[in-house]
Amino acid sequence: MSVAVLLHLPDDVYRALVPVAVKNDTQVHRIIEVSVTKSVRKKKRTASRITDEQLAEIRRMNAEGVSDAAIAKALGVAQSTASRWRGNMGLLPPAPRVGGRQKAVST
C-alpha cells in the first residue's frame, strides 16, 4: 500500500535535487520517496565483529556441548552470529538433545 502526500519544497531545495535526479536517471519525487522510506525503515545490521576472547569462548562452550542459542546468550550476540562463527572455525554443532516431541514420536 502506498499513500500520496503533498509536499511543498522551497525552490532552492528542488533545484538542488534536479541534478541528483538526472544523474540517477529518475525524477525528484522518486528521490524524495526513497530517502523518506530509507530514513523510516529499520537499518540493516552490519556484519558483527567478534573478539578473539569470544572466539575462544565459543570453542570452549562448543566442546562442552552448549547449544548455539546458549552460547549466543552468554556472549551477547545473535544466535546466527554464534552459529556462523562456530562453523567458520570448523566446529560441529552440538548433538541435538532428545526430548519433548522427538522423544514421544520415537517411542
N, C-alpha and C. Protein backbone atom coordinates (compact mmCIF):
# COMPACT_ATOMS: atom_id res chain seq x y z
N MET A 1 0.85 -1.17 0.00
CA MET A 1 0.00 0.00 0.00
C MET A 1 0.89 1.23 0.00
N SER A 2 0.51 2.22 -0.74
CA SER A 2 1.23 3.49 -0.72
C SER A 2 0.21 4.61 -0.57
N VAL A 3 0.70 5.72 -0.05
CA VAL A 3 -0.15 6.87 0.20
C VAL A 3 0.45 8.08 -0.50
N ALA A 4 -0.37 8.85 -1.18
CA ALA A 4 0.10 10.06 -1.83
C ALA A 4 0.20 11.18 -0.79
N VAL A 5 1.28 11.94 -0.85
CA VAL A 5 1.50 13.03 0.09
C VAL A 5 1.85 14.28 -0.69
N LEU A 6 1.20 15.39 -0.36
CA LEU A 6 1.51 16.66 -0.98
C LEU A 6 2.65 17.29 -0.20
N LEU A 7 3.70 17.66 -0.91
CA LEU A 7 4.88 18.18 -0.25
C LEU A 7 5.26 19.51 -0.89
N HIS A 8 5.48 20.51 -0.07
CA HIS A 8 5.90 21.81 -0.56
C HIS A 8 7.39 21.97 -0.28
N LEU A 9 8.18 22.04 -1.34
CA LEU A 9 9.63 22.22 -1.20
C LEU A 9 10.00 23.63 -1.62
N PRO A 10 10.93 24.23 -0.91
CA PRO A 10 11.44 25.52 -1.39
C PRO A 10 12.12 25.32 -2.75
N ASP A 11 12.09 26.34 -3.57
CA ASP A 11 12.66 26.26 -4.92
C ASP A 11 14.12 25.84 -4.90
N ASP A 12 14.90 26.36 -3.95
CA ASP A 12 16.32 26.04 -3.92
C ASP A 12 16.56 24.56 -3.60
N VAL A 13 15.71 23.97 -2.77
CA VAL A 13 15.83 22.55 -2.44
C VAL A 13 15.50 21.71 -3.67
N TYR A 14 14.43 22.08 -4.36
CA TYR A 14 14.05 21.35 -5.57
C TYR A 14 15.16 21.43 -6.61
N ARG A 15 15.70 22.65 -6.81
CA ARG A 15 16.76 22.83 -7.80
C ARG A 15 18.01 22.03 -7.44
N ALA A 16 18.27 21.87 -6.16
CA ALA A 16 19.44 21.10 -5.73
C ALA A 16 19.23 19.60 -6.00
N LEU A 17 17.98 19.16 -5.99
CA LEU A 17 17.69 17.75 -6.22
C LEU A 17 17.64 17.38 -7.71
N VAL A 18 17.42 18.35 -8.57
CA VAL A 18 17.30 18.06 -10.01
C VAL A 18 18.56 17.41 -10.56
N PRO A 19 19.77 17.93 -10.29
CA PRO A 19 20.96 17.26 -10.83
C PRO A 19 21.13 15.83 -10.31
N VAL A 20 20.75 15.61 -9.07
CA VAL A 20 20.84 14.26 -8.49
C VAL A 20 19.89 13.33 -9.24
N ALA A 21 18.69 13.82 -9.51
CA ALA A 21 17.70 13.02 -10.24
C ALA A 21 18.19 12.71 -11.66
N VAL A 22 18.74 13.70 -12.33
CA VAL A 22 19.24 13.50 -13.69
C VAL A 22 20.38 12.49 -13.68
N LYS A 23 21.30 12.63 -12.73
CA LYS A 23 22.43 11.71 -12.63
C LYS A 23 21.97 10.27 -12.44
N ASN A 24 20.89 10.08 -11.65
CA ASN A 24 20.38 8.74 -11.37
C ASN A 24 19.26 8.31 -12.31
N ASP A 25 19.04 9.09 -13.36
CA ASP A 25 18.05 8.78 -14.38
C ASP A 25 16.67 8.52 -13.75
N THR A 26 16.25 9.44 -12.90
CA THR A 26 14.94 9.32 -12.24
C THR A 26 14.34 10.71 -12.10
N GLN A 27 13.32 10.83 -11.27
CA GLN A 27 12.66 12.10 -11.05
C GLN A 27 12.82 12.52 -9.59
N VAL A 28 12.67 13.81 -9.34
CA VAL A 28 12.88 14.35 -8.00
C VAL A 28 11.96 13.69 -6.97
N HIS A 29 10.71 13.51 -7.33
CA HIS A 29 9.78 12.93 -6.35
C HIS A 29 10.20 11.50 -5.96
N ARG A 30 10.82 10.80 -6.88
CA ARG A 30 11.27 9.43 -6.60
C ARG A 30 12.46 9.44 -5.62
N ILE A 31 13.35 10.42 -5.77
CA ILE A 31 14.47 10.55 -4.83
C ILE A 31 13.95 10.85 -3.43
N ILE A 32 12.97 11.74 -3.33
CA ILE A 32 12.38 12.07 -2.03
C ILE A 32 11.71 10.85 -1.43
N GLU A 33 10.98 10.11 -2.25
CA GLU A 33 10.30 8.90 -1.78
C GLU A 33 11.29 7.88 -1.22
N VAL A 34 12.35 7.63 -1.94
CA VAL A 34 13.36 6.67 -1.50
C VAL A 34 14.04 7.15 -0.23
N SER A 35 14.37 8.43 -0.16
CA SER A 35 15.04 8.98 1.02
C SER A 35 14.17 8.88 2.27
N VAL A 36 12.91 9.21 2.13
CA VAL A 36 12.00 9.13 3.28
C VAL A 36 11.82 7.68 3.71
N THR A 37 11.66 6.78 2.76
CA THR A 37 11.48 5.37 3.08
C THR A 37 12.70 4.82 3.81
N LYS A 38 13.90 5.14 3.33
CA LYS A 38 15.13 4.67 3.98
C LYS A 38 15.27 5.23 5.38
N SER A 39 14.88 6.47 5.59
CA SER A 39 15.05 7.08 6.90
C SER A 39 14.08 6.51 7.94
N VAL A 40 12.98 5.97 7.49
CA VAL A 40 11.98 5.44 8.41
C VAL A 40 12.19 3.95 8.69
N ARG A 41 12.59 3.20 7.69
CA ARG A 41 12.74 1.76 7.85
C ARG A 41 13.91 1.42 8.75
N LYS A 42 13.81 0.28 9.37
CA LYS A 42 14.86 -0.19 10.26
C LYS A 42 16.14 -0.40 9.47
N LYS A 43 17.22 0.05 10.04
CA LYS A 43 18.52 -0.09 9.39
C LYS A 43 18.93 -1.55 9.39
N LYS A 44 19.59 -1.97 8.31
CA LYS A 44 20.11 -3.33 8.25
C LYS A 44 21.30 -3.43 9.18
N ARG A 45 21.42 -4.58 9.78
CA ARG A 45 22.54 -4.81 10.67
C ARG A 45 23.82 -4.94 9.87
N THR A 46 24.88 -4.43 10.44
CA THR A 46 26.17 -4.58 9.79
C THR A 46 26.78 -5.89 10.24
N ALA A 47 27.78 -6.31 9.55
CA ALA A 47 28.46 -7.56 9.92
C ALA A 47 28.96 -7.45 11.35
N SER A 48 28.69 -8.48 12.13
CA SER A 48 29.08 -8.42 13.53
C SER A 48 30.57 -8.65 13.69
N ARG A 49 31.11 -7.96 14.63
CA ARG A 49 32.52 -8.11 14.97
C ARG A 49 32.60 -8.99 16.20
N ILE A 50 33.56 -9.85 16.23
CA ILE A 50 33.69 -10.75 17.36
C ILE A 50 35.16 -10.78 17.76
N THR A 51 35.41 -10.77 19.06
CA THR A 51 36.78 -10.70 19.56
C THR A 51 37.40 -12.09 19.65
N ASP A 52 38.73 -12.10 19.82
CA ASP A 52 39.45 -13.37 20.00
C ASP A 52 38.97 -14.08 21.26
N GLU A 53 38.66 -13.29 22.30
CA GLU A 53 38.16 -13.88 23.54
C GLU A 53 36.81 -14.57 23.32
N GLN A 54 35.95 -13.92 22.51
CA GLN A 54 34.65 -14.52 22.21
C GLN A 54 34.81 -15.79 21.39
N LEU A 55 35.77 -15.78 20.46
CA LEU A 55 36.02 -16.99 19.67
C LEU A 55 36.49 -18.13 20.57
N ALA A 56 37.37 -17.82 21.52
CA ALA A 56 37.84 -18.84 22.46
C ALA A 56 36.69 -19.36 23.31
N GLU A 57 35.79 -18.48 23.68
CA GLU A 57 34.64 -18.88 24.49
C GLU A 57 33.70 -19.78 23.67
N ILE A 58 33.54 -19.46 22.40
CA ILE A 58 32.71 -20.31 21.53
C ILE A 58 33.33 -21.71 21.45
N ARG A 59 34.65 -21.78 21.26
CA ARG A 59 35.32 -23.09 21.20
C ARG A 59 35.11 -23.87 22.49
N ARG A 60 35.31 -23.19 23.63
CA ARG A 60 35.19 -23.86 24.92
C ARG A 60 33.76 -24.35 25.16
N MET A 61 32.79 -23.49 24.94
CA MET A 61 31.40 -23.85 25.20
C MET A 61 30.93 -24.94 24.23
N ASN A 62 31.39 -24.86 22.97
CA ASN A 62 31.01 -25.87 21.99
C ASN A 62 31.57 -27.23 22.40
N ALA A 63 32.79 -27.25 22.92
CA ALA A 63 33.39 -28.51 23.37
C ALA A 63 32.60 -29.10 24.54
N GLU A 64 31.96 -28.24 25.32
CA GLU A 64 31.14 -28.71 26.45
C GLU A 64 29.74 -29.13 26.00
N GLY A 65 29.43 -28.95 24.73
CA GLY A 65 28.12 -29.35 24.21
C GLY A 65 27.03 -28.31 24.39
N VAL A 66 27.42 -27.07 24.62
CA VAL A 66 26.45 -25.99 24.80
C VAL A 66 25.86 -25.61 23.44
N SER A 67 24.56 -25.34 23.41
CA SER A 67 23.88 -25.01 22.15
C SER A 67 24.30 -23.63 21.65
N ASP A 68 24.09 -23.40 20.34
CA ASP A 68 24.40 -22.10 19.76
C ASP A 68 23.58 -21.00 20.44
N ALA A 69 22.33 -21.30 20.77
CA ALA A 69 21.47 -20.31 21.42
C ALA A 69 22.04 -19.90 22.77
N ALA A 70 22.50 -20.88 23.55
CA ALA A 70 23.06 -20.58 24.87
C ALA A 70 24.39 -19.84 24.74
N ILE A 71 25.19 -20.22 23.75
CA ILE A 71 26.46 -19.53 23.51
C ILE A 71 26.17 -18.07 23.15
N ALA A 72 25.23 -17.86 22.26
CA ALA A 72 24.89 -16.50 21.83
C ALA A 72 24.42 -15.66 23.01
N LYS A 73 23.59 -16.24 23.84
CA LYS A 73 23.08 -15.51 25.00
C LYS A 73 24.22 -15.14 25.94
N ALA A 74 25.14 -16.06 26.18
CA ALA A 74 26.26 -15.80 27.07
C ALA A 74 27.19 -14.72 26.53
N LEU A 75 27.34 -14.67 25.20
CA LEU A 75 28.25 -13.71 24.59
C LEU A 75 27.57 -12.39 24.23
N GLY A 76 26.24 -12.37 24.27
CA GLY A 76 25.51 -11.16 23.92
C GLY A 76 25.50 -10.88 22.42
N VAL A 77 25.46 -11.96 21.63
CA VAL A 77 25.38 -11.82 20.18
C VAL A 77 24.16 -12.60 19.69
N ALA A 78 23.83 -12.43 18.42
CA ALA A 78 22.71 -13.17 17.84
C ALA A 78 23.08 -14.64 17.69
N GLN A 79 22.08 -15.50 17.74
CA GLN A 79 22.31 -16.93 17.59
C GLN A 79 22.96 -17.23 16.24
N SER A 80 22.53 -16.53 15.21
CA SER A 80 23.10 -16.75 13.88
C SER A 80 24.59 -16.38 13.86
N THR A 81 24.97 -15.37 14.64
CA THR A 81 26.37 -14.98 14.72
C THR A 81 27.20 -16.08 15.36
N ALA A 82 26.72 -16.59 16.49
CA ALA A 82 27.43 -17.67 17.17
C ALA A 82 27.53 -18.90 16.27
N SER A 83 26.45 -19.23 15.59
CA SER A 83 26.43 -20.39 14.71
C SER A 83 27.39 -20.20 13.53
N ARG A 84 27.37 -19.01 12.94
CA ARG A 84 28.23 -18.74 11.80
C ARG A 84 29.71 -18.82 12.19
N TRP A 85 30.07 -18.22 13.32
CA TRP A 85 31.46 -18.25 13.74
C TRP A 85 31.90 -19.65 14.16
N ARG A 86 30.99 -20.42 14.76
CA ARG A 86 31.30 -21.80 15.10
C ARG A 86 31.62 -22.56 13.82
N GLY A 87 30.79 -22.38 12.80
CA GLY A 87 31.01 -23.04 11.51
C GLY A 87 32.28 -22.57 10.84
N ASN A 88 32.56 -21.26 10.93
CA ASN A 88 33.79 -20.71 10.33
C ASN A 88 35.04 -21.32 10.96
N MET A 89 34.94 -21.70 12.22
CA MET A 89 36.09 -22.31 12.90
C MET A 89 36.15 -23.82 12.64
N GLY A 90 35.18 -24.35 11.90
CA GLY A 90 35.17 -25.77 11.59
C GLY A 90 34.65 -26.64 12.71
N LEU A 91 33.96 -26.04 13.67
CA LEU A 91 33.42 -26.81 14.79
C LEU A 91 32.05 -27.36 14.42
N LEU A 92 31.78 -28.58 14.82
CA LEU A 92 30.48 -29.18 14.57
C LEU A 92 29.48 -28.69 15.60
N PRO A 93 28.21 -28.60 15.22
CA PRO A 93 27.20 -28.20 16.20
C PRO A 93 27.03 -29.30 17.24
N PRO A 94 26.62 -28.92 18.44
CA PRO A 94 26.40 -29.95 19.45
C PRO A 94 25.28 -30.89 19.02
N ALA A 95 25.34 -32.12 19.50
CA ALA A 95 24.30 -33.10 19.17
C ALA A 95 22.95 -32.61 19.69
N PRO A 96 21.89 -32.78 18.91
CA PRO A 96 20.58 -32.33 19.37
C PRO A 96 20.15 -33.12 20.61
N ARG A 97 19.49 -32.42 21.49
CA ARG A 97 19.00 -33.07 22.70
C ARG A 97 17.66 -33.70 22.40
N VAL A 98 17.48 -34.93 22.83
CA VAL A 98 16.23 -35.64 22.58
C VAL A 98 15.30 -35.37 23.75
N GLY A 99 14.13 -34.98 23.41
CA GLY A 99 13.13 -34.71 24.44
C GLY A 99 11.88 -34.16 23.80
N GLY A 100 10.87 -33.97 24.57
CA GLY A 100 9.64 -33.40 24.06
C GLY A 100 9.02 -34.22 22.95
N ARG A 101 8.70 -33.60 21.86
CA ARG A 101 8.02 -34.26 20.74
C ARG A 101 8.91 -35.34 20.11
N GLN A 102 10.21 -35.08 19.96
CA GLN A 102 11.08 -36.09 19.35
C GLN A 102 11.05 -37.39 20.16
N LYS A 103 11.08 -37.27 21.46
CA LYS A 103 11.09 -38.45 22.33
C LYS A 103 9.74 -39.18 22.22
N ALA A 104 8.67 -38.41 22.19
CA ALA A 104 7.34 -39.02 22.12
C ALA A 104 7.13 -39.75 20.80
N VAL A 105 7.62 -39.20 19.70
CA VAL A 105 7.45 -39.81 18.39
C VAL A 105 8.28 -41.07 18.26
N SER A 106 9.49 -41.07 18.83
CA SER A 106 10.37 -42.21 18.66
C SER A 106 9.98 -43.42 19.52
N THR A 107 9.12 -43.27 20.48
CA THR A 107 8.73 -44.41 21.33
C THR A 107 7.52 -45.11 20.82
